[in-house]
Amino acid sequence: MSELRTHARTPAAMRLKIRHDRLGELVVNTRDISDGGVFAAIDNPDITVGEQVHAQVMGIVAAPELTLEVVRVAEDGIGLRFTK
């Protein structure tokens, strides 16, 4: 299988607060991050590719809340793309 990613991933463990209309508010751990997005570890996520979430890195004073798009759903989490 060929690699389709545009951006190199870097392992990154941080706490991320995610808000979603149906799932409510979740606090999750990230697995990796890139210039294009982040992978959030969530067991058996009930979310669909194309949906949007709002997320904020925890532990950083005045961290902005970002809108991200779900681009991948796996048993162990979701791939999120930064939106502009």
C-alpha atoms as a PDB file:
ATOM      1  CA  MET A   1       0.000   0.000   0.000  1.00  0.00           C
ATOM      2  CA  SER A   2       1.455   3.375  -0.947  1.00  0.00           C
ATOM      3  CA  GLU A   3       1.791   6.235   1.526  1.00  0.00           C
ATOM      4  CA  LEU A   4      -0.775   8.952   0.765  1.00  0.00           C
ATOM      5  CA  ARG A   5       0.154  11.385   3.533  1.00  0.00           C
ATOM      6  CA  THR A   6       1.393  14.812   2.498  1.00  0.00           C
ATOM      7  CA  HIS A   7       2.874  15.712   5.897  1.00  0.00           C
ATOM      8  CA  ALA A   8       5.329  13.753   8.037  1.00  0.00           C
ATOM      9  CA  ARG A   9       3.922  12.646  11.388  1.00  0.00           C
ATOM     10  CA  THR A  10       5.669  13.258  14.696  1.00  0.00           C
ATOM     11  CA  PRO A  11       4.828  11.239  17.812  1.00  0.00           C
ATOM     12  CA  ALA A  12       3.112  13.591  20.272  1.00  0.00           C
ATOM     13  CA  ALA A  13       1.322  12.712  23.490  1.00  0.00           C
ATOM     14  CA  MET A  14      -0.885  15.529  24.738  1.00  0.00           C
ATOM     15  CA  ARG A  15      -4.366  15.896  26.188  1.00  0.00           C
ATOM     16  CA  LEU A  16      -6.977  17.178  23.779  1.00  0.00           C
ATOM     17  CA  LYS A  17     -10.502  18.299  24.654  1.00  0.00           C
ATOM     18  CA  ILE A  18     -12.857  17.467  21.775  1.00  0.00           C
ATOM     19  CA  ARG A  19     -16.418  18.749  21.379  1.00  0.00           C
ATOM     20  CA  HIS A  20     -18.865  17.104  18.993  1.00  0.00           C
ATOM     21  CA  ASP A  21     -22.621  17.623  18.629  1.00  0.00           C
ATOM     22  CA  ARG A  22     -23.513  13.959  19.153  1.00  0.00           C
ATOM     23  CA  LEU A  23     -20.602  12.729  21.301  1.00  0.00           C
ATOM     24  CA  GLY A  24     -20.523  15.712  23.628  1.00  0.00           C
ATOM     25  CA  GLU A  25     -17.205  16.665  25.216  1.00  0.00           C
ATOM     26  CA  LEU A  26     -14.359  14.156  25.452  1.00  0.00           C
ATOM     27  CA  VAL A  27     -10.829  14.420  26.807  1.00  0.00           C
ATOM     28  CA  VAL A  28      -8.489  12.190  24.797  1.00  0.00           C
ATOM     29  CA  ASN A  29      -4.791  11.615  24.217  1.00  0.00           C
ATOM     30  CA  THR A  30      -3.089  12.309  20.922  1.00  0.00           C
ATOM     31  CA  ARG A  31      -0.775   9.768  19.305  1.00  0.00           C
ATOM     32  CA  ASP A  32       0.892  11.907  16.648  1.00  0.00           C
ATOM     33  CA  ILE A  33       0.683  15.270  14.950  1.00  0.00           C
ATOM     34  CA  SER A  34       1.699  16.783  11.612  1.00  0.00           C
ATOM     35  CA  ASP A  35       1.342  20.074   9.773  1.00  0.00           C
ATOM     36  CA  GLY A  36      -1.944  18.728   8.415  1.00  0.00           C
ATOM     37  CA  GLY A  37      -3.616  17.204  11.453  1.00  0.00           C
ATOM     38  CA  VAL A  38      -3.561  15.017  14.528  1.00  0.00           C
ATOM     39  CA  PHE A  39      -4.537  11.469  15.541  1.00  0.00           C
ATOM     40  CA  ALA A  40      -6.752  11.286  18.643  1.00  0.00           C
ATOM     41  CA  ALA A  41      -6.890   7.978  20.532  1.00  0.00           C
ATOM     42  CA  ILE A  42     -10.535   7.022  21.147  1.00  0.00           C
ATOM     43  CA  ASP A  43     -11.679   3.412  21.571  1.00  0.00           C
ATOM     44  CA  ASN A  44     -14.326   2.445  19.008  1.00  0.00           C
ATOM     45  CA  PRO A  45     -15.272   6.004  18.037  1.00  0.00           C
ATOM     46  CA  ASP A  46     -18.877   6.573  16.965  1.00  0.00           C
ATOM     47  CA  ILE A  47     -18.109   9.231  14.379  1.00  0.00           C
ATOM     48  CA  THR A  48     -18.067   9.409  10.585  1.00  0.00           C
ATOM     49  CA  VAL A  49     -15.502  10.631   8.076  1.00  0.00           C
ATOM     50  CA  GLY A  50     -16.406  14.161   7.018  1.00  0.00           C
ATOM     51  CA  GLU A  51     -17.853  15.235  10.376  1.00  0.00           C
ATOM     52  CA  GLN A  52     -16.328  18.194  12.197  1.00  0.00           C
ATOM     53  CA  VAL A  53     -15.163  18.475  15.789  1.00  0.00           C
ATOM     54  CA  HIS A  54     -13.884  21.374  17.845  1.00  0.00           C
ATOM     55  CA  ALA A  55     -10.708  20.741  19.813  1.00  0.00           C
ATOM     56  CA  GLN A  56      -8.433  22.502  22.246  1.00  0.00           C
ATOM     57  CA  VAL A  57      -5.069  21.388  23.622  1.00  0.00           C
ATOM     58  CA  MET A  58      -5.281  21.141  27.393  1.00  0.00           C
ATOM     59  CA  GLY A  59      -2.602  22.490  29.702  1.00  0.00           C
ATOM     60  CA  ILE A  60      -1.755  25.493  27.529  1.00  0.00           C
ATOM     61  CA  VAL A  61      -2.931  28.873  28.752  1.00  0.00           C
ATOM     62  CA  ALA A  62      -5.274  30.519  26.224  1.00  0.00           C
ATOM     63  CA  ALA A  63      -4.947  27.657  23.709  1.00  0.00           C
ATOM     64  CA  PRO A  64      -7.231  28.407  20.753  1.00  0.00           C
ATOM     65  CA  GLU A  65     -10.180  26.175  19.949  1.00  0.00           C
ATOM     66  CA  LEU A  66      -9.731  24.692  16.486  1.00  0.00           C
ATOM     67  CA  THR A  67     -12.181  23.166  14.040  1.00  0.00           C
ATOM     68  CA  LEU A  68     -10.999  19.845  12.609  1.00  0.00           C
ATOM     69  CA  GLU A  69     -12.458  17.440  10.066  1.00  0.00           C
ATOM     70  CA  VAL A  70     -12.560  13.685  10.612  1.00  0.00           C
ATOM     71  CA  VAL A  71     -10.590  12.108   7.756  1.00  0.00           C
ATOM     72  CA  ARG A  72     -10.038   8.607   9.158  1.00  0.00           C
ATOM     73  CA  VAL A  73     -11.838   6.400  11.654  1.00  0.00           C
ATOM     74  CA  ALA A  74     -10.096   3.357  13.177  1.00  0.00           C
ATOM     75  CA  GLU A  75     -10.850   1.077  16.131  1.00  0.00           C
ATOM     76  CA  ASP A  76      -8.283   2.934  18.218  1.00  0.00           C
ATOM     77  CA  GLY A  77      -9.052   6.532  17.250  1.00  0.00           C
ATOM     78  CA  ILE A  78      -9.684   9.181  14.643  1.00  0.00           C
ATOM     79  CA  GLY A  79      -7.506  11.067  12.202  1.00  0.00           C
ATOM     80  CA  LEU A  80      -8.349  14.771  12.236  1.00  0.00           C
ATOM     81  CA  ARG A  81      -7.364  17.349   9.603  1.00  0.00           C
ATOM     82  CA  PHE A  82      -6.854  20.981  10.539  1.00  0.00           C
ATOM     83  CA  THR A  83      -9.323  23.201   8.690  1.00  0.00           C
ATOM     84  CA  LYS A  84      -8.711  26.780   7.671  1.00  0.00           C
END
